[in-house]
């Protein structure tokens, strides 16, 4: 993985996990996202709208989708998404950099369509987030997977799925909200020591593959009291030799955009990281945490 480092004196605020109305769970149009990003002094955003094969069909197959509020729940409308991001990038050039990405919710049985998607749109993509939102097509955020399972079973399934997907799929750049399962754990806190070995295996694999991990600031709004992943995981990543980190708000509405991004930079610096990353054409550009 090629890296370009921008050194001290380069002041940068970037939100690298932003959803728009091309995601099934957001009504936030990119034109307004961009205007709001400028208003809150962001230098760059990356649009990372949702694709979750297994639980959502592609745009051309609404008859296969479940309905929410009377509308089919679908993946990104790629044929309109990529040109629209390109149009907004051109419109806001000089005031805001806009990178084009996707957030892929991948499962073992959806690796092949995820590979095909990334290959199909390779020329348009700057950045691909890898997420585990489901196991066996059962959603974590809706509580479907957690029903009837112990806390240990829930966490083990999440990390086992992530490791299995990482073994089979390389078409991503960064693991989003690595400990996502904490958001939706009905039992509350789970001891880090209970998952440390699995997390270490994930981090070692990411480092070996030259991939990044994300600091997702939405842990604050979800009431976790810290970012995702936890400080314990960030320290472990650092101790294992990991250096490539992105920062994203996981925004779906105006009040989320850019939230706690500067605080995340300060947190990373305090933990001993020297840079954070943005991406262009799937290659990281590293920026100093101490301008």
Protein backbone atom coordinates (compact mmCIF):
# COMPACT_ATOMS: atom_id res chain seq x y z
CA UNK A 1 0.00 0.00 0.00
CA UNK A 2 1.53 3.28 -1.12
CA UNK A 3 1.44 6.09 1.42
CA UNK A 4 1.89 9.81 1.02
CA UNK A 5 2.47 11.72 4.24
CA UNK A 6 1.60 15.38 4.67
CA UNK A 7 3.73 16.70 7.49
CA UNK A 8 3.42 19.22 10.26
CA UNK A 9 1.83 22.46 9.29
CA UNK A 10 -0.81 20.70 7.20
CA UNK A 11 -4.04 21.35 9.08
CA UNK A 12 -6.79 18.97 8.01
CA UNK A 13 -10.26 18.03 9.24
CA UNK A 14 -11.81 15.09 7.40
CA UNK A 15 -14.97 13.08 8.02
CA UNK A 16 -14.52 9.73 6.31
CA UNK A 17 -17.83 8.04 7.11
CA UNK A 18 -20.75 10.06 5.73
CA UNK A 19 -24.17 8.81 4.61
CA UNK A 20 -26.57 10.53 2.23
CA UNK A 21 -30.03 9.84 0.83
CA UNK A 22 -28.49 7.13 -1.36
CA UNK A 23 -28.40 5.05 1.85
CA UNK A 24 -31.64 3.37 2.88
CA UNK A 25 -31.36 4.86 6.39
CA UNK A 26 -30.69 8.53 5.53
CA UNK A 27 -32.64 11.40 3.95
CA UNK A 28 -29.64 13.77 3.87
CA UNK A 29 -28.90 14.96 0.28
CA UNK A 30 -25.24 15.28 -0.65
CA UNK A 31 -25.62 18.88 -1.75
CA UNK A 32 -26.72 19.80 1.79
CA UNK A 33 -24.08 17.52 3.34
CA UNK A 34 -21.41 19.40 1.40
CA UNK A 35 -22.76 22.82 2.35
CA UNK A 36 -22.97 21.77 6.00
CA UNK A 37 -19.44 20.33 5.88
CA UNK A 38 -18.12 23.70 4.76
CA UNK A 39 -20.13 25.42 7.50
CA UNK A 40 -18.53 23.24 10.21
CA UNK A 41 -15.04 23.79 8.74
CA UNK A 42 -14.40 20.34 7.34
CA UNK A 43 -11.75 20.18 4.62
CA UNK A 44 -12.81 16.82 3.22
CA UNK A 45 -15.59 14.26 3.43
CA UNK A 46 -15.95 10.76 2.06
CA UNK A 47 -19.41 9.60 1.08
CA UNK A 48 -19.79 5.97 2.18
CA UNK A 49 -23.34 4.89 1.46
CA UNK A 50 -24.65 1.49 2.45
CA UNK A 51 -24.50 -1.80 0.57
CA UNK A 52 -25.64 -4.89 2.50
CA UNK A 53 -26.04 -7.93 0.29
CA UNK A 54 -28.08 -10.70 1.85
CA UNK A 55 -30.58 -8.37 3.53
CA UNK A 56 -31.03 -5.79 0.73
CA UNK A 57 -31.31 -6.33 -3.01
CA UNK A 58 -29.83 -3.99 -5.56
CA UNK A 59 -31.80 -1.03 -6.87
CA UNK A 60 -33.21 -2.79 -9.90
CA UNK A 61 -34.96 -5.46 -7.82
CA UNK A 62 -37.43 -3.66 -5.52
CA UNK A 63 -39.82 -6.60 -5.61
CA UNK A 64 -37.28 -8.58 -3.55
CA UNK A 65 -36.97 -5.97 -0.81
CA UNK A 66 -38.68 -5.65 2.54
CA UNK A 67 -40.71 -2.49 3.01
CA UNK A 68 -40.13 0.23 5.59
CA UNK A 69 -42.55 3.17 5.71
CA UNK A 70 -44.02 1.74 2.51
CA UNK A 71 -40.73 1.93 0.61
CA UNK A 72 -38.44 -0.91 -0.46
CA UNK A 73 -35.12 -1.17 1.43
CA UNK A 74 -32.44 -1.30 -1.26
CA UNK A 75 -28.72 -0.97 -1.78
CA UNK A 76 -27.21 2.13 -3.40
CA UNK A 77 -28.50 3.13 -6.82
CA UNK A 78 -25.00 2.88 -8.33
CA UNK A 79 -25.91 4.22 -11.78
CA UNK A 80 -26.96 7.53 -10.25
CA UNK A 81 -24.76 7.55 -7.15
CA UNK A 82 -21.34 7.70 -8.76
CA UNK A 83 -22.20 10.45 -11.28
CA UNK A 84 -23.87 12.48 -8.54
CA UNK A 85 -20.83 12.30 -6.25
CA UNK A 86 -18.64 13.33 -9.19
CA UNK A 87 -20.96 16.27 -9.93
CA UNK A 88 -20.90 17.45 -6.31
CA UNK A 89 -17.13 17.05 -6.18
CA UNK A 90 -16.82 19.39 -9.15
CA UNK A 91 -19.40 21.84 -7.80
CA UNK A 92 -17.69 22.25 -4.42
CA UNK A 93 -14.10 22.05 -5.66
CA UNK A 94 -11.93 24.62 -3.91
CA UNK A 95 -14.17 24.74 -0.85
CA UNK A 96 -14.47 21.05 0.05
CA UNK A 97 -12.81 17.85 -1.13
CA UNK A 98 -15.31 15.02 -1.68
CA UNK A 99 -14.09 11.44 -1.90
CA UNK A 100 -16.32 8.66 -3.19
CA UNK A 101 -16.73 5.49 -1.18
CA UNK A 102 -19.07 2.73 -0.11
CA UNK A 103 -19.71 1.01 3.20
CA UNK A 104 -20.04 -2.70 2.53
CA UNK A 105 -21.83 -4.81 5.10
CA UNK A 106 -20.32 -8.18 4.19
CA UNK A 107 -21.10 -11.70 5.35
CA UNK A 108 -19.42 -14.99 4.44
CA UNK A 109 -22.15 -15.81 1.95
CA UNK A 110 -22.12 -12.33 0.38
CA UNK A 111 -18.40 -12.12 -0.38
CA UNK A 112 -18.85 -12.88 -4.10
CA UNK A 113 -21.38 -10.11 -4.90
CA UNK A 114 -19.27 -7.71 -2.81
CA UNK A 115 -16.19 -8.60 -4.88
CA UNK A 116 -18.13 -8.15 -8.11
CA UNK A 117 -19.43 -4.76 -7.00
CA UNK A 118 -15.98 -3.40 -6.13
CA UNK A 119 -14.57 -4.72 -9.41
CA UNK A 120 -17.45 -3.23 -11.42
CA UNK A 121 -17.02 0.28 -10.00
CA UNK A 122 -13.27 0.27 -9.34
CA UNK A 123 -12.70 3.36 -11.44
CA UNK A 124 -15.11 5.42 -9.34
CA UNK A 125 -14.06 4.41 -5.85
CA UNK A 126 -11.64 6.22 -3.57
CA UNK A 127 -12.40 4.26 -0.42
CA UNK A 128 -14.23 1.12 0.73
CA UNK A 129 -15.28 0.52 4.32
CA UNK A 130 -15.76 -3.06 5.55
CA UNK A 131 -18.50 -3.60 8.14
CA UNK A 132 -20.19 -6.57 9.76
CA UNK A 133 -23.82 -5.54 10.20
CA UNK A 134 -25.36 -9.01 10.03
CA UNK A 135 -24.63 -12.69 10.59
CA UNK A 136 -26.74 -15.25 8.71
CA UNK A 137 -28.81 -12.32 7.39
CA UNK A 138 -29.84 -11.45 10.94
CA UNK A 139 -29.32 -7.75 11.72
CA UNK A 140 -27.42 -6.58 14.80
CA UNK A 141 -28.97 -3.11 14.80
CA UNK A 142 -32.49 -4.56 14.88
CA UNK A 143 -31.58 -7.07 17.60
CA UNK A 144 -32.44 -10.04 15.39
CA UNK A 145 -29.15 -11.88 15.88
CA UNK A 146 -29.02 -11.29 19.63
CA UNK A 147 -32.35 -12.99 20.36
CA UNK A 148 -31.90 -16.19 22.38
CA UNK A 149 -28.09 -15.93 22.46
CA UNK A 150 -25.71 -15.36 25.33
CA UNK A 151 -23.43 -12.34 25.43
CA UNK A 152 -20.42 -14.55 24.68
CA UNK A 153 -22.19 -16.10 21.68
CA UNK A 154 -23.07 -12.67 20.27
CA UNK A 155 -19.52 -11.31 20.47
CA UNK A 156 -17.93 -14.55 19.25
CA UNK A 157 -20.22 -14.64 16.20
CA UNK A 158 -19.42 -11.04 15.32
CA UNK A 159 -15.64 -11.41 15.42
CA UNK A 160 -15.71 -14.87 13.83
CA UNK A 161 -17.70 -13.46 10.90
CA UNK A 162 -15.30 -10.54 10.53
CA UNK A 163 -12.27 -12.84 10.49
CA UNK A 164 -13.88 -15.18 7.98
CA UNK A 165 -14.77 -12.31 5.65
CA UNK A 166 -11.24 -10.91 5.91
CA UNK A 167 -9.88 -14.30 4.87
CA UNK A 168 -11.99 -14.37 1.71
CA UNK A 169 -12.27 -10.74 0.65
CA UNK A 170 -9.59 -8.10 0.02
CA UNK A 171 -11.61 -5.46 -1.82
CA UNK A 172 -11.81 -3.02 1.07
CA UNK A 173 -9.54 -0.40 2.62
CA UNK A 174 -10.60 0.07 6.22
CA UNK A 175 -12.57 -1.72 8.95
CA UNK A 176 -15.44 0.48 10.11
CA UNK A 177 -16.40 0.69 13.82
CA UNK A 178 -14.45 -2.48 14.56
CA UNK A 179 -16.32 -3.25 17.80
CA UNK A 180 -19.74 -2.35 16.34
CA UNK A 181 -21.42 -5.16 18.29
CA UNK A 182 -21.01 -3.08 21.49
CA UNK A 183 -23.67 -0.65 20.21
CA UNK A 184 -26.28 -3.37 20.13
CA UNK A 185 -25.31 -5.60 23.05
CA UNK A 186 -28.48 -6.05 25.15
CA UNK A 187 -26.39 -7.21 28.10
CA UNK A 188 -24.28 -4.06 28.40
CA UNK A 189 -20.50 -3.96 28.80
CA UNK A 190 -18.47 -7.02 27.86
CA UNK A 191 -14.94 -7.49 29.28
CA UNK A 192 -12.21 -6.67 26.78
CA UNK A 193 -10.15 -9.61 28.03
CA UNK A 194 -12.91 -11.94 26.82
CA UNK A 195 -12.44 -10.83 23.20
CA UNK A 196 -8.82 -9.71 23.20
CA UNK A 197 -7.48 -12.71 21.29
CA UNK A 198 -10.12 -12.43 18.56
CA UNK A 199 -9.57 -8.69 18.26
CA UNK A 200 -5.81 -9.21 18.07
CA UNK A 201 -6.31 -11.70 15.24
CA UNK A 202 -8.43 -9.15 13.36
CA UNK A 203 -5.87 -6.40 13.84
CA UNK A 204 -2.92 -8.60 12.88
CA UNK A 205 -4.71 -9.62 9.71
CA UNK A 206 -5.55 -6.00 8.85
CA UNK A 207 -1.94 -4.93 9.38
CA UNK A 208 -0.63 -7.83 7.30
CA UNK A 209 -3.01 -6.90 4.47
CA UNK A 210 -1.99 -3.23 4.62
CA UNK A 211 -5.49 -2.11 5.64
CA UNK A 212 -6.65 0.70 7.90
CA UNK A 213 -9.02 0.79 10.84
CA UNK A 214 -11.53 3.54 11.53
CA UNK A 215 -12.07 5.68 14.60
CA UNK A 216 -15.84 6.08 14.48
CA UNK A 217 -16.98 8.98 16.63
CA UNK A 218 -20.61 7.82 16.82
CA UNK A 219 -19.79 5.77 19.91
CA UNK A 220 -20.40 9.00 21.81
CA UNK A 221 -23.92 9.49 20.47
CA UNK A 222 -24.69 5.81 21.04
CA UNK A 223 -23.93 6.30 24.73
CA UNK A 224 -20.77 4.18 24.88
CA UNK A 225 -18.72 6.95 26.45
CA UNK A 226 -15.89 6.54 23.94
CA UNK A 227 -15.23 6.15 20.26
CA UNK A 228 -15.41 2.91 18.34
CA UNK A 229 -13.27 0.95 18.53
CA UNK A 230 -12.51 1.33 22.20
CA UNK A 231 -9.30 2.80 23.57
CA UNK A 232 -8.26 -0.76 24.48
CA UNK A 233 -8.48 -1.79 20.83
CA UNK A 234 -6.69 1.31 19.60
CA UNK A 235 -3.85 0.69 22.05
CA UNK A 236 -3.63 -2.93 20.93
CA UNK A 237 -3.54 -1.86 17.27
CA UNK A 238 -0.73 0.58 18.07
CA UNK A 239 1.20 -2.05 20.05
CA UNK A 240 0.89 -4.54 17.18
CA UNK A 241 2.42 -1.99 14.81
CA UNK A 242 -0.75 -0.58 13.26
CA UNK A 243 -0.50 3.01 12.06
CA UNK A 244 -3.16 3.64 9.39
CA UNK A 245 -6.32 5.13 10.90
CA UNK A 246 -9.26 7.05 9.43
CA UNK A 247 -11.77 9.18 11.33
CA UNK A 248 -15.50 9.23 10.60
CA UNK A 249 -18.71 10.42 12.24
CA UNK A 250 -21.01 7.80 10.66
CA UNK A 251 -23.32 10.71 9.96
CA UNK A 252 -26.86 10.23 8.70
CA UNK A 253 -28.24 13.69 9.49
CA UNK A 254 -26.93 17.23 9.92
CA UNK A 255 -26.29 17.07 13.65
CA UNK A 256 -23.98 14.06 13.17
CA UNK A 257 -21.72 15.52 10.49
CA UNK A 258 -18.16 16.15 11.64
CA UNK A 259 -19.07 15.48 15.27
CA UNK A 260 -16.03 14.95 17.52
CA UNK A 261 -13.59 14.70 14.59
CA UNK A 262 -11.08 17.07 16.16
CA UNK A 263 -11.48 15.29 19.51
CA UNK A 264 -10.72 12.00 17.75
CA UNK A 265 -7.52 13.51 16.37
CA UNK A 266 -6.51 14.54 19.88
CA UNK A 267 -7.35 11.07 21.20
CA UNK A 268 -5.20 9.39 18.57
CA UNK A 269 -2.28 11.72 19.28
CA UNK A 270 -2.61 11.02 23.02
CA UNK A 271 -2.51 7.28 22.30
CA UNK A 272 0.76 7.65 20.40
CA UNK A 273 -0.41 7.77 16.79
CA UNK A 274 1.35 10.30 14.57
CA UNK A 275 -0.97 10.47 11.55
CA UNK A 276 -4.48 9.82 10.31
CA UNK A 277 -5.43 8.93 6.74
CA UNK A 278 -7.64 10.07 3.91
CA UNK A 279 -7.83 8.14 0.62
CA UNK A 280 -7.75 8.84 -3.07
CA UNK A 281 -8.10 6.09 -5.68
CA UNK A 282 -7.88 3.51 -2.89
CA UNK A 283 -4.49 4.76 -1.69
CA UNK A 284 -3.96 6.38 1.73
CA UNK A 285 -2.74 9.92 2.20
CA UNK A 286 -1.50 10.43 5.73
CA UNK A 287 -1.84 13.72 7.60
CA UNK A 288 -0.02 14.79 10.72
CA UNK A 289 -1.94 14.76 13.98
CA UNK A 290 0.25 17.61 15.26
CA UNK A 291 -0.08 20.55 12.83
